[in-house]
Amino acid sequence: MRPCPEQERLSGAPANVFARPTVWVEAPVRNGNGEVITRMRRPSELAPGIPRRLDDLILRCLAKERTERPHDVLVVMALAQSRGRGHSRENLSSNALIGDGNDVF
């Protein structure tokens, strides 16, 4: 069954970027009743030792506004870099991943 137009326009890469960190950290709702958490806890509050850059990246992925979330390719590249695989692009900078995003979006 195809989703209604309102739901369809909200699907896609930004929705996927939002969904992945909920598996890593915690869902943005609680009590099973749809109550939205107003302030997401930093992942490092739940698991001390998470690097600051990864902490910031996860929070950006969980941004309520889909336009504030990083592009899915940048998330994959950042995670690969954090694991030492060395994937990069010439214009990829730490600001692109954890800054205001103006140089990427």
PDB file of N, CA and C in Angstrom:
ATOM      1  N   MET A   1       0.837  -1.160   0.000  1.00  0.00           N
ATOM      2  CA  MET A   1       0.000   0.000   0.000  1.00  0.00           C
ATOM      3  C   MET A   1       0.897   1.243   0.000  1.00  0.00           C
ATOM      4  N   ARG A   2       0.587   2.163  -0.848  1.00  0.00           N
ATOM      5  CA  ARG A   2       1.361   3.394  -0.972  1.00  0.00           C
ATOM      6  C   ARG A   2       0.951   4.371   0.133  1.00  0.00           C
ATOM      7  N   PRO A   3       1.942   5.071   0.753  1.00  0.00           N
ATOM      8  CA  PRO A   3       1.592   6.027   1.803  1.00  0.00           C
ATOM      9  C   PRO A   3       0.845   7.225   1.233  1.00  0.00           C
ATOM     10  N   CYS A   4       0.095   7.892   2.086  1.00  0.00           N
ATOM     11  CA  CYS A   4      -0.613   9.094   1.648  1.00  0.00           C
ATOM     12  C   CYS A   4       0.413  10.172   1.277  1.00  0.00           C
ATOM     13  N   PRO A   5       0.043  11.157   0.445  1.00  0.00           N
ATOM     14  CA  PRO A   5       1.001  12.176  -0.008  1.00  0.00           C
ATOM     15  C   PRO A   5       1.714  12.904   1.124  1.00  0.00           C
ATOM     16  N   GLU A   6       1.027  13.160   2.222  1.00  0.00           N
ATOM     17  CA  GLU A   6       1.654  13.852   3.349  1.00  0.00           C
ATOM     18  C   GLU A   6       2.797  13.031   3.929  1.00  0.00           C
ATOM     19  N   GLN A   7       2.597  11.732   4.022  1.00  0.00           N
ATOM     20  CA  GLN A   7       3.643  10.857   4.540  1.00  0.00           C
ATOM     21  C   GLN A   7       4.739  10.632   3.518  1.00  0.00           C
ATOM     22  N   GLU A   8       4.361  10.549   2.256  1.00  0.00           N
ATOM     23  CA  GLU A   8       5.339  10.282   1.210  1.00  0.00           C
ATOM     24  C   GLU A   8       6.374  11.401   1.110  1.00  0.00           C
ATOM     25  N   ARG A   9       5.952  12.656   1.240  1.00  0.00           N
ATOM     26  CA  ARG A   9       6.901  13.766   1.122  1.00  0.00           C
ATOM     27  C   ARG A   9       7.869  13.812   2.298  1.00  0.00           C
ATOM     28  N   LEU A  10       7.557  13.154   3.401  1.00  0.00           N
ATOM     29  CA  LEU A  10       8.440  13.127   4.562  1.00  0.00           C
ATOM     30  C   LEU A  10       9.384  11.932   4.551  1.00  0.00           C
ATOM     31  N   SER A  11       9.206  11.035   3.591  1.00  0.00           N
ATOM     32  CA  SER A  11      10.085   9.868   3.534  1.00  0.00           C
ATOM     33  C   SER A  11      11.336  10.203   2.730  1.00  0.00           C
ATOM     34  N   GLY A  12      12.251   9.261   2.672  1.00  0.00           N
ATOM     35  CA  GLY A  12      13.471   9.465   1.902  1.00  0.00           C
ATOM     36  C   GLY A  12      14.696   9.532   2.781  1.00  0.00           C
ATOM     37  N   ALA A  13      15.794  10.009   2.200  1.00  0.00           N
ATOM     38  CA  ALA A  13      17.084  10.029   2.899  1.00  0.00           C
ATOM     39  C   ALA A  13      17.042  10.776   4.230  1.00  0.00           C
ATOM     40  N   PRO A  14      16.435  11.985   4.326  1.00  0.00           N
ATOM     41  CA  PRO A  14      16.422  12.653   5.635  1.00  0.00           C
ATOM     42  C   PRO A  14      15.712  11.831   6.716  1.00  0.00           C
ATOM     43  N   ALA A  15      14.674  11.108   6.333  1.00  0.00           N
ATOM     44  CA  ALA A  15      13.983  10.253   7.307  1.00  0.00           C
ATOM     45  C   ALA A  15      14.883   9.102   7.730  1.00  0.00           C
ATOM     46  N   ASN A  16      15.639   8.558   6.790  1.00  0.00           N
ATOM     47  CA  ASN A  16      16.565   7.473   7.113  1.00  0.00           C
ATOM     48  C   ASN A  16      17.688   7.956   8.016  1.00  0.00           C
ATOM     49  N   VAL A  17      18.188   9.173   7.756  1.00  0.00           N
ATOM     50  CA  VAL A  17      19.246   9.748   8.592  1.00  0.00           C
ATOM     51  C   VAL A  17      18.734   9.927  10.014  1.00  0.00           C
ATOM     52  N   PHE A  18      17.462  10.266  10.172  1.00  0.00           N
ATOM     53  CA  PHE A  18      16.862  10.419  11.494  1.00  0.00           C
ATOM     54  C   PHE A  18      16.679   9.063  12.170  1.00  0.00           C
ATOM     55  N   ALA A  19      16.263   8.074  11.416  1.00  0.00           N
ATOM     56  CA  ALA A  19      15.913   6.777  12.004  1.00  0.00           C
ATOM     57  C   ALA A  19      17.113   6.017  12.543  1.00  0.00           C
ATOM     58  N   ARG A  20      18.234   6.052  11.845  1.00  0.00           N
ATOM     59  CA  ARG A  20      19.394   5.249  12.251  1.00  0.00           C
ATOM     60  C   ARG A  20      19.854   5.544  13.678  1.00  0.00           C
ATOM     61  N   PRO A  21      20.051   6.808  14.080  1.00  0.00           N
ATOM     62  CA  PRO A  21      20.533   7.057  15.443  1.00  0.00           C
ATOM     63  C   PRO A  21      19.560   6.633  16.535  1.00  0.00           C
ATOM     64  N   THR A  22      18.277   6.505  16.212  1.00  0.00           N
ATOM     65  CA  THR A  22      17.355   6.043  17.246  1.00  0.00           C
ATOM     66  C   THR A  22      17.684   4.619  17.653  1.00  0.00           C
ATOM     67  N   VAL A  23      18.302   3.872  16.757  1.00  0.00           N
ATOM     68  CA  VAL A  23      18.760   2.525  17.091  1.00  0.00           C
ATOM     69  C   VAL A  23      20.021   2.614  17.945  1.00  0.00           C
ATOM     70  N   TRP A  24      20.884   3.583  17.638  1.00  0.00           N
ATOM     71  CA  TRP A  24      22.137   3.748  18.379  1.00  0.00           C
ATOM     72  C   TRP A  24      21.910   4.302  19.772  1.00  0.00           C
ATOM     73  N   VAL A  25      20.946   5.201  19.917  1.00  0.00           N
ATOM     74  CA  VAL A  25      20.803   5.936  21.172  1.00  0.00           C
ATOM     75  C   VAL A  25      19.497   5.573  21.854  1.00  0.00           C
ATOM     76  N   GLU A  26      18.433   6.275  21.519  1.00  0.00           N
ATOM     77  CA  GLU A  26      17.114   6.013  22.088  1.00  0.00           C
ATOM     78  C   GLU A  26      16.076   6.648  21.187  1.00  0.00           C
ATOM     79  N   ALA A  27      14.896   6.112  21.200  1.00  0.00           N
ATOM     80  CA  ALA A  27      13.829   6.674  20.381  1.00  0.00           C
ATOM     81  C   ALA A  27      13.443   8.050  20.915  1.00  0.00           C
ATOM     82  N   PRO A  28      13.031   8.967  20.025  1.00  0.00           N
ATOM     83  CA  PRO A  28      12.670  10.308  20.468  1.00  0.00           C
ATOM     84  C   PRO A  28      11.274  10.399  21.069  1.00  0.00           C
ATOM     85  N   VAL A  29      10.679   9.271  21.422  1.00  0.00           N
ATOM     86  CA  VAL A  29       9.388   9.250  22.110  1.00  0.00           C
ATOM     87  C   VAL A  29       9.522   8.341  23.320  1.00  0.00           C
ATOM     88  N   ARG A  30       8.640   8.511  24.268  1.00  0.00           N
ATOM     89  CA  ARG A  30       8.713   7.649  25.452  1.00  0.00           C
ATOM     90  C   ARG A  30       7.325   7.167  25.866  1.00  0.00           C
ATOM     91  N   ASN A  31       7.305   6.163  26.662  1.00  0.00           N
ATOM     92  CA  ASN A  31       6.090   5.594  27.250  1.00  0.00           C
ATOM     93  C   ASN A  31       5.140   4.969  26.237  1.00  0.00           C
ATOM     94  N   GLY A  32       5.558   4.816  24.995  1.00  0.00           N
ATOM     95  CA  GLY A  32       4.707   4.189  24.001  1.00  0.00           C
ATOM     96  C   GLY A  32       3.464   4.971  23.635  1.00  0.00           C
ATOM     97  N   ASN A  33       3.331   6.196  24.150  1.00  0.00           N
ATOM     98  CA  ASN A  33       2.131   6.975  23.862  1.00  0.00           C
ATOM     99  C   ASN A  33       2.391   8.124  22.898  1.00  0.00           C
ATOM    100  N   GLY A  34       3.570   8.164  22.306  1.00  0.00           N
ATOM    101  CA  GLY A  34       3.881   9.205  21.338  1.00  0.00           C
ATOM    102  C   GLY A  34       4.354  10.507  21.941  1.00  0.00           C
ATOM    103  N   GLU A  35       4.567  10.541  23.251  1.00  0.00           N
ATOM    104  CA  GLU A  35       5.063  11.756  23.884  1.00  0.00           C
ATOM    105  C   GLU A  35       6.482  12.018  23.394  1.00  0.00           C
ATOM    106  N   VAL A  36       6.687  13.173  22.792  1.00  0.00           N
ATOM    107  CA  VAL A  36       7.988  13.500  22.210  1.00  0.00           C
ATOM    108  C   VAL A  36       8.923  14.010  23.294  1.00  0.00           C
ATOM    109  N   ILE A  37      10.154  13.511  23.261  1.00  0.00           N
ATOM    110  CA  ILE A  37      11.177  13.998  24.182  1.00  0.00           C
ATOM    111  C   ILE A  37      11.601  15.373  23.695  1.00  0.00           C
ATOM    112  N   THR A  38      11.527  16.363  24.557  1.00  0.00           N
ATOM    113  CA  THR A  38      11.837  17.728  24.131  1.00  0.00           C
ATOM    114  C   THR A  38      13.330  17.980  24.039  1.00  0.00           C
ATOM    115  N   ARG A  39      14.124  17.329  24.857  1.00  0.00           N
ATOM    116  CA  ARG A  39      15.575  17.499  24.791  1.00  0.00           C
ATOM    117  C   ARG A  39      16.214  16.127  24.714  1.00  0.00           C
ATOM    118  N   MET A  40      16.829  15.884  23.583  1.00  0.00           N
ATOM    119  CA  MET A  40      17.535  14.617  23.429  1.00  0.00           C
ATOM    120  C   MET A  40      18.789  14.646  24.294  1.00  0.00           C
ATOM    121  N   ARG A  41      19.013  13.568  25.002  1.00  0.00           N
ATOM    122  CA  ARG A  41      20.264  13.471  25.760  1.00  0.00           C
ATOM    123  C   ARG A  41      21.403  13.201  24.796  1.00  0.00           C
ATOM    124  N   ARG A  42      22.567  13.737  25.109  1.00  0.00           N
ATOM    125  CA  ARG A  42      23.750  13.458  24.296  1.00  0.00           C
ATOM    126  C   ARG A  42      24.037  11.964  24.406  1.00  0.00           C
ATOM    127  N   PRO A  43      24.416  11.330  23.326  1.00  0.00           N
ATOM    128  CA  PRO A  43      24.754   9.907  23.390  1.00  0.00           C
ATOM    129  C   PRO A  43      25.812   9.608  24.453  1.00  0.00           C
ATOM    130  N   SER A  44      26.749  10.536  24.652  1.00  0.00           N
ATOM    131  CA  SER A  44      27.803  10.319  25.650  1.00  0.00           C
ATOM    132  C   SER A  44      27.254  10.313  27.075  1.00  0.00           C
ATOM    133  N   GLU A  45      26.046  10.860  27.275  1.00  0.00           N
ATOM    134  CA  GLU A  45      25.416  10.770  28.597  1.00  0.00           C
ATOM    135  C   GLU A  45      24.956   9.339  28.856  1.00  0.00           C
ATOM    136  N   LEU A  46      24.598   8.648  27.794  1.00  0.00           N
ATOM    137  CA  LEU A  46      24.128   7.270  27.916  1.00  0.00           C
ATOM    138  C   LEU A  46      25.277   6.271  27.860  1.00  0.00           C
ATOM    139  N   ALA A  47      26.325   6.643  27.118  1.00  0.00           N
ATOM    140  CA  ALA A  47      27.487   5.765  26.960  1.00  0.00           C
ATOM    141  C   ALA A  47      28.752   6.615  27.004  1.00  0.00           C
ATOM    142  N   PRO A  48      29.262   6.880  28.211  1.00  0.00           N
ATOM    143  CA  PRO A  48      30.469   7.701  28.326  1.00  0.00           C
ATOM    144  C   PRO A  48      31.602   7.129  27.469  1.00  0.00           C
ATOM    145  N   GLY A  49      32.380   8.030  26.909  1.00  0.00           N
ATOM    146  CA  GLY A  49      33.491   7.605  26.073  1.00  0.00           C
ATOM    147  C   GLY A  49      33.241   7.776  24.587  1.00  0.00           C
ATOM    148  N   ILE A  50      32.010   8.101  24.206  1.00  0.00           N
ATOM    149  CA  ILE A  50      31.736   8.375  22.795  1.00  0.00           C
ATOM    150  C   ILE A  50      32.474   9.651  22.416  1.00  0.00           C
ATOM    151  N   PRO A  51      33.235   9.637  21.326  1.00  0.00           N
ATOM    152  CA  PRO A  51      33.957  10.842  20.908  1.00  0.00           C
ATOM    153  C   PRO A  51      33.007  12.013  20.657  1.00  0.00           C
ATOM    154  N   ARG A  52      33.468  13.206  20.970  1.00  0.00           N
ATOM    155  CA  ARG A  52      32.642  14.414  20.851  1.00  0.00           C
ATOM    156  C   ARG A  52      32.093  14.591  19.431  1.00  0.00           C
ATOM    157  N   ARG A  53      32.930  14.367  18.415  1.00  0.00           N
ATOM    158  CA  ARG A  53      32.472  14.546  17.031  1.00  0.00           C
ATOM    159  C   ARG A  53      31.345  13.578  16.691  1.00  0.00           C
ATOM    160  N   LEU A  54      31.447  12.341  17.157  1.00  0.00           N
ATOM    161  CA  LEU A  54      30.389  11.371  16.910  1.00  0.00           C
ATOM    162  C   LEU A  54      29.136  11.755  17.687  1.00  0.00           C
ATOM    163  N   ASP A  55      29.315  12.206  18.901  1.00  0.00           N
ATOM    164  CA  ASP A  55      28.221  12.700  19.733  1.00  0.00           C
ATOM    165  C   ASP A  55      27.446  13.791  18.981  1.00  0.00           C
ATOM    166  N   ASP A  56      28.177  14.768  18.449  1.00  0.00           N
ATOM    167  CA  ASP A  56      27.561  15.883  17.721  1.00  0.00           C
ATOM    168  C   ASP A  56      26.878  15.407  16.441  1.00  0.00           C
ATOM    169  N   LEU A  57      27.518  14.492  15.729  1.00  0.00           N
ATOM    170  CA  LEU A  57      26.949  13.976  14.487  1.00  0.00           C
ATOM    171  C   LEU A  57      25.626  13.263  14.751  1.00  0.00           C
ATOM    172  N   ILE A  58      25.580  12.449  15.778  1.00  0.00           N
ATOM    173  CA  ILE A  58      24.345  11.729  16.108  1.00  0.00           C
ATOM    174  C   ILE A  58      23.229  12.709  16.429  1.00  0.00           C
ATOM    175  N   LEU A  59      23.534  13.753  17.193  1.00  0.00           N
ATOM    176  CA  LEU A  59      22.505  14.746  17.514  1.00  0.00           C
ATOM    177  C   LEU A  59      22.026  15.479  16.270  1.00  0.00           C
ATOM    178  N   ARG A  60      22.927  15.763  15.339  1.00  0.00           N
ATOM    179  CA  ARG A  60      22.503  16.405  14.086  1.00  0.00           C
ATOM    180  C   ARG A  60      21.596  15.473  13.293  1.00  0.00           C
ATOM    181  N   CYS A  61      21.869  14.189  13.323  1.00  0.00           N
ATOM    182  CA  CYS A  61      21.015  13.225  12.624  1.00  0.00           C
ATOM    183  C   CYS A  61      19.614  13.196  13.229  1.00  0.00           C
ATOM    184  N   LEU A  62      19.512  13.510  14.500  1.00  0.00           N
ATOM    185  CA  LEU A  62      18.231  13.485  15.204  1.00  0.00           C
ATOM    186  C   LEU A  62      17.512  14.827  15.193  1.00  0.00           C
ATOM    187  N   ALA A  63      17.987  15.775  14.397  1.00  0.00           N
ATOM    188  CA  ALA A  63      17.336  17.087  14.327  1.00  0.00           C
ATOM    189  C   ALA A  63      15.872  16.919  13.934  1.00  0.00           C
ATOM    190  N   LYS A  64      15.003  17.677  14.583  1.00  0.00           N
ATOM    191  CA  LYS A  64      13.572  17.586  14.279  1.00  0.00           C
ATOM    192  C   LYS A  64      13.274  18.035  12.857  1.00  0.00           C
ATOM    193  N   GLU A  65      13.954  19.079  12.409  1.00  0.00           N
ATOM    194  CA  GLU A  65      13.757  19.577  11.044  1.00  0.00           C
ATOM    195  C   GLU A  65      14.631  18.782  10.086  1.00  0.00           C
ATOM    196  N   ARG A  66      14.034  18.153   9.112  1.00  0.00           N
ATOM    197  CA  ARG A  66      14.778  17.308   8.182  1.00  0.00           C
ATOM    198  C   ARG A  66      15.851  18.071   7.427  1.00  0.00           C
ATOM    199  N   THR A  67      15.659  19.372   7.206  1.00  0.00           N
ATOM    200  CA  THR A  67      16.655  20.174   6.493  1.00  0.00           C
ATOM    201  C   THR A  67      17.895  20.434   7.337  1.00  0.00           C
ATOM    202  N   GLU A  68      17.810  20.207   8.643  1.00  0.00           N
ATOM    203  CA  GLU A  68      18.955  20.404   9.536  1.00  0.00           C
ATOM    204  C   GLU A  68      19.801  19.135   9.673  1.00  0.00           C
ATOM    205  N   ARG A  69      19.322  18.024   9.125  1.00  0.00           N
ATOM    206  CA  ARG A  69      20.059  16.760   9.216  1.00  0.00           C
ATOM    207  C   ARG A  69      21.121  16.696   8.122  1.00  0.00           C
ATOM    208  N   PRO A  70      22.276  16.087   8.411  1.00  0.00           N
ATOM    209  CA  PRO A  70      23.307  15.952   7.379  1.00  0.00           C
ATOM    210  C   PRO A  70      22.862  14.975   6.295  1.00  0.00           C
ATOM    211  N   HIS A  71      23.430  15.127   5.128  1.00  0.00           N
ATOM    212  CA  HIS A  71      23.134  14.223   4.019  1.00  0.00           C
ATOM    213  C   HIS A  71      23.603  12.817   4.394  1.00  0.00           C
ATOM    214  N   ASP A  72      22.867  11.820   3.964  1.00  0.00           N
ATOM    215  CA  ASP A  72      23.197  10.442   4.337  1.00  0.00           C
ATOM    216  C   ASP A  72      24.598  10.024   3.899  1.00  0.00           C
ATOM    217  N   VAL A  73      25.068  10.512   2.764  1.00  0.00           N
ATOM    218  CA  VAL A  73      26.419  10.178   2.306  1.00  0.00           C
ATOM    219  C   VAL A  73      27.453  10.722   3.285  1.00  0.00           C
ATOM    220  N   LEU A  74      27.226  11.921   3.798  1.00  0.00           N
ATOM    221  CA  LEU A  74      28.165  12.509   4.755  1.00  0.00           C
ATOM    222  C   LEU A  74      28.195  11.730   6.059  1.00  0.00           C
ATOM    223  N   VAL A  75      27.058  11.194   6.457  1.00  0.00           N
ATOM    224  CA  VAL A  75      27.016  10.382   7.677  1.00  0.00           C
ATOM    225  C   VAL A  75      27.863   9.126   7.484  1.00  0.00           C
ATOM    226  N   VAL A  76      27.689   8.465   6.359  1.00  0.00           N
ATOM    227  CA  VAL A  76      28.470   7.253   6.083  1.00  0.00           C
ATOM    228  C   VAL A  76      29.955   7.579   6.037  1.00  0.00           C
ATOM    229  N   MET A  77      30.313   8.679   5.375  1.00  0.00           N
ATOM    230  CA  MET A  77      31.723   9.059   5.275  1.00  0.00           C
ATOM    231  C   MET A  77      32.304   9.382   6.648  1.00  0.00           C
ATOM    232  N   ALA A  78      31.535  10.082   7.470  1.00  0.00           N
ATOM    233  CA  ALA A  78      32.019  10.432   8.807  1.00  0.00           C
ATOM    234  C   ALA A  78      32.237   9.184   9.651  1.00  0.00           C
ATOM    235  N   LEU A  79      31.318   8.247   9.557  1.00  0.00           N
ATOM    236  CA  LEU A  79      31.463   7.010  10.320  1.00  0.00           C
ATOM    237  C   LEU A  79      32.657   6.201   9.819  1.00  0.00           C
ATOM    238  N   ALA A  80      32.857   6.175   8.517  1.00  0.00           N
ATOM    239  CA  ALA A  80      34.011   5.461   7.963  1.00  0.00           C
ATOM    240  C   ALA A  80      35.310   6.110   8.426  1.00  0.00           C
ATOM    241  N   GLN A  81      35.351   7.446   8.431  1.00  0.00           N
ATOM    242  CA  GLN A  81      36.547   8.150   8.891  1.00  0.00           C
ATOM    243  C   GLN A  81      36.811   7.854  10.358  1.00  0.00           C
ATOM    244  N   SER A  82      35.757   7.798  11.142  1.00  0.00           N
ATOM    245  CA  SER A  82      35.941   7.553  12.573  1.00  0.00           C
ATOM    246  C   SER A  82      36.456   6.137  12.834  1.00  0.00           C
ATOM    247  N   ARG A  83      36.239   5.249  11.884  1.00  0.00           N
ATOM    248  CA  ARG A  83      36.730   3.870  12.020  1.00  0.00           C
ATOM    249  C   ARG A  83      38.076   3.687  11.342  1.00  0.00           C
ATOM    250  N   GLY A  84      38.642   4.786  10.823  1.00  0.00           N
ATOM    251  CA  GLY A  84      39.969   4.718  10.247  1.00  0.00           C
ATOM    252  C   GLY A  84      40.045   4.193   8.829  1.00  0.00           C
ATOM    253  N   ARG A  85      38.936   4.210   8.118  1.00  0.00           N
ATOM    254  CA  ARG A  85      38.962   3.707   6.748  1.00  0.00           C
ATOM    255  C   ARG A  85      39.452   4.759   5.761  1.00  0.00           C
ATOM    256  N   GLY A  86      39.458   6.019   6.171  1.00  0.00           N
ATOM    257  CA  GLY A  86      40.027   7.066   5.351  1.00  0.00           C
ATOM    258  C   GLY A  86      39.196   7.537   4.179  1.00  0.00           C
ATOM    259  N   HIS A  87      37.930   7.192   4.092  1.00  0.00           N
ATOM    260  CA  HIS A  87      37.094   7.710   3.011  1.00  0.00           C
ATOM    261  C   HIS A  87      36.925   9.205   3.209  1.00  0.00           C
ATOM    262  N   SER A  88      37.081   9.968   2.135  1.00  0.00           N
ATOM    263  CA  SER A  88      36.914  11.415   2.267  1.00  0.00           C
ATOM    264  C   SER A  88      36.640  12.034   0.910  1.00  0.00           C
ATOM    265  N   ARG A  89      36.202  13.281   0.945  1.00  0.00           N
ATOM    266  CA  ARG A  89      36.067  14.116  -0.241  1.00  0.00           C
ATOM    267  C   ARG A  89      36.879  15.360   0.016  1.00  0.00           C
ATOM    268  N   GLU A  90      37.334  16.007  -1.043  1.00  0.00           N
ATOM    269  CA  GLU A  90      38.173  17.192  -0.873  1.00  0.00           C
ATOM    270  C   GLU A  90      37.480  18.274  -0.061  1.00  0.00           C
ATOM    271  N   ASN A  91      36.186  18.436  -0.262  1.00  0.00           N
ATOM    272  CA  ASN A  91      35.490  19.516   0.434  1.00  0.00           C
ATOM    273  C   ASN A  91      34.872  19.087   1.757  1.00  0.00           C
ATOM    274  N   LEU A  92      35.162  17.875   2.207  1.00  0.00           N
ATOM    275  CA  LEU A  92      34.602  17.401   3.468  1.00  0.00           C
ATOM    276  C   LEU A  92      35.421  17.962   4.614  1.00  0.00           C
ATOM    277  N   SER A  93      34.770  18.679   5.489  1.00  0.00           N
ATOM    278  CA  SER A  93      35.453  19.264   6.634  1.00  0.00           C
ATOM    279  C   SER A  93      34.671  18.923   7.883  1.00  0.00           C
ATOM    280  N   SER A  94      35.276  19.151   9.026  1.00  0.00           N
ATOM    281  CA  SER A  94      34.547  18.877  10.264  1.00  0.00           C
ATOM    282  C   SER A  94      33.328  19.776  10.364  1.00  0.00           C
ATOM    283  N   ASN A  95      33.379  20.998   9.831  1.00  0.00           N
ATOM    284  CA  ASN A  95      32.204  21.869   9.860  1.00  0.00           C
ATOM    285  C   ASN A  95      31.062  21.298   9.041  1.00  0.00           C
ATOM    286  N   ALA A  96      31.384  20.590   7.972  1.00  0.00           N
ATOM    287  CA  ALA A  96      30.338  19.990   7.150  1.00  0.00           C
ATOM    288  C   ALA A  96      29.578  18.938   7.938  1.00  0.00           C
ATOM    289  N   LEU A  97      30.247  18.310   8.888  1.00  0.00           N
ATOM    290  CA  LEU A  97      29.620  17.231   9.640  1.00  0.00           C
ATOM    291  C   LEU A  97      29.017  17.697  10.951  1.00  0.00           C
ATOM    292  N   ILE A  98      29.687  18.622  11.618  1.00  0.00           N
ATOM    293  CA  ILE A  98      29.184  19.011  12.936  1.00  0.00           C
ATOM    294  C   ILE A  98      28.988  20.507  13.070  1.00  0.00           C
ATOM    295  N   GLY A  99      29.255  21.265  12.014  1.00  0.00           N
ATOM    296  CA  GLY A  99      29.079  22.710  12.074  1.00  0.00           C
ATOM    297  C   GLY A  99      27.688  23.097  11.636  1.00  0.00           C
ATOM    298  N   ASP A 100      27.599  24.285  11.022  1.00  0.00           N
ATOM    299  CA  ASP A 100      26.289  24.768  10.614  1.00  0.00           C
ATOM    300  C   ASP A 100      25.814  24.152   9.308  1.00  0.00           C
ATOM    301  N   GLY A 101      26.696  23.448   8.602  1.00  0.00           N
ATOM    302  CA  GLY A 101      26.296  22.743   7.394  1.00  0.00           C
ATOM    303  C   GLY A 101      26.191  23.594   6.149  1.00  0.00           C
ATOM    304  N   ASN A 102      26.469  24.888   6.240  1.00  0.00           N
ATOM    305  CA  ASN A 102      26.310  25.763   5.085  1.00  0.00           C
ATOM    306  C   ASN A 102      27.215  25.401   3.927  1.00  0.00           C
ATOM    307  N   ASP A 103      28.342  24.781   4.191  1.00  0.00           N
ATOM    308  CA  ASP A 103      29.261  24.459   3.105  1.00  0.00           C
ATOM    309  C   ASP A 103      28.915  23.142   2.419  1.00  0.00           C
ATOM    310  N   VAL A 104      27.866  22.459   2.867  1.00  0.00           N
ATOM    311  CA  VAL A 104      27.522  21.172   2.272  1.00  0.00           C
ATOM    312  C   VAL A 104      26.102  21.152   1.741  1.00  0.00           C
ATOM    313  N   PHE A 105      25.166  21.695   2.460  1.00  0.00           N
ATOM    314  CA  PHE A 105      23.760  21.560   2.092  1.00  0.00           C
ATOM    315  C   PHE A 105      23.399  22.405   0.910  1.00  0.00           C
TER     316      PHE A 105
END
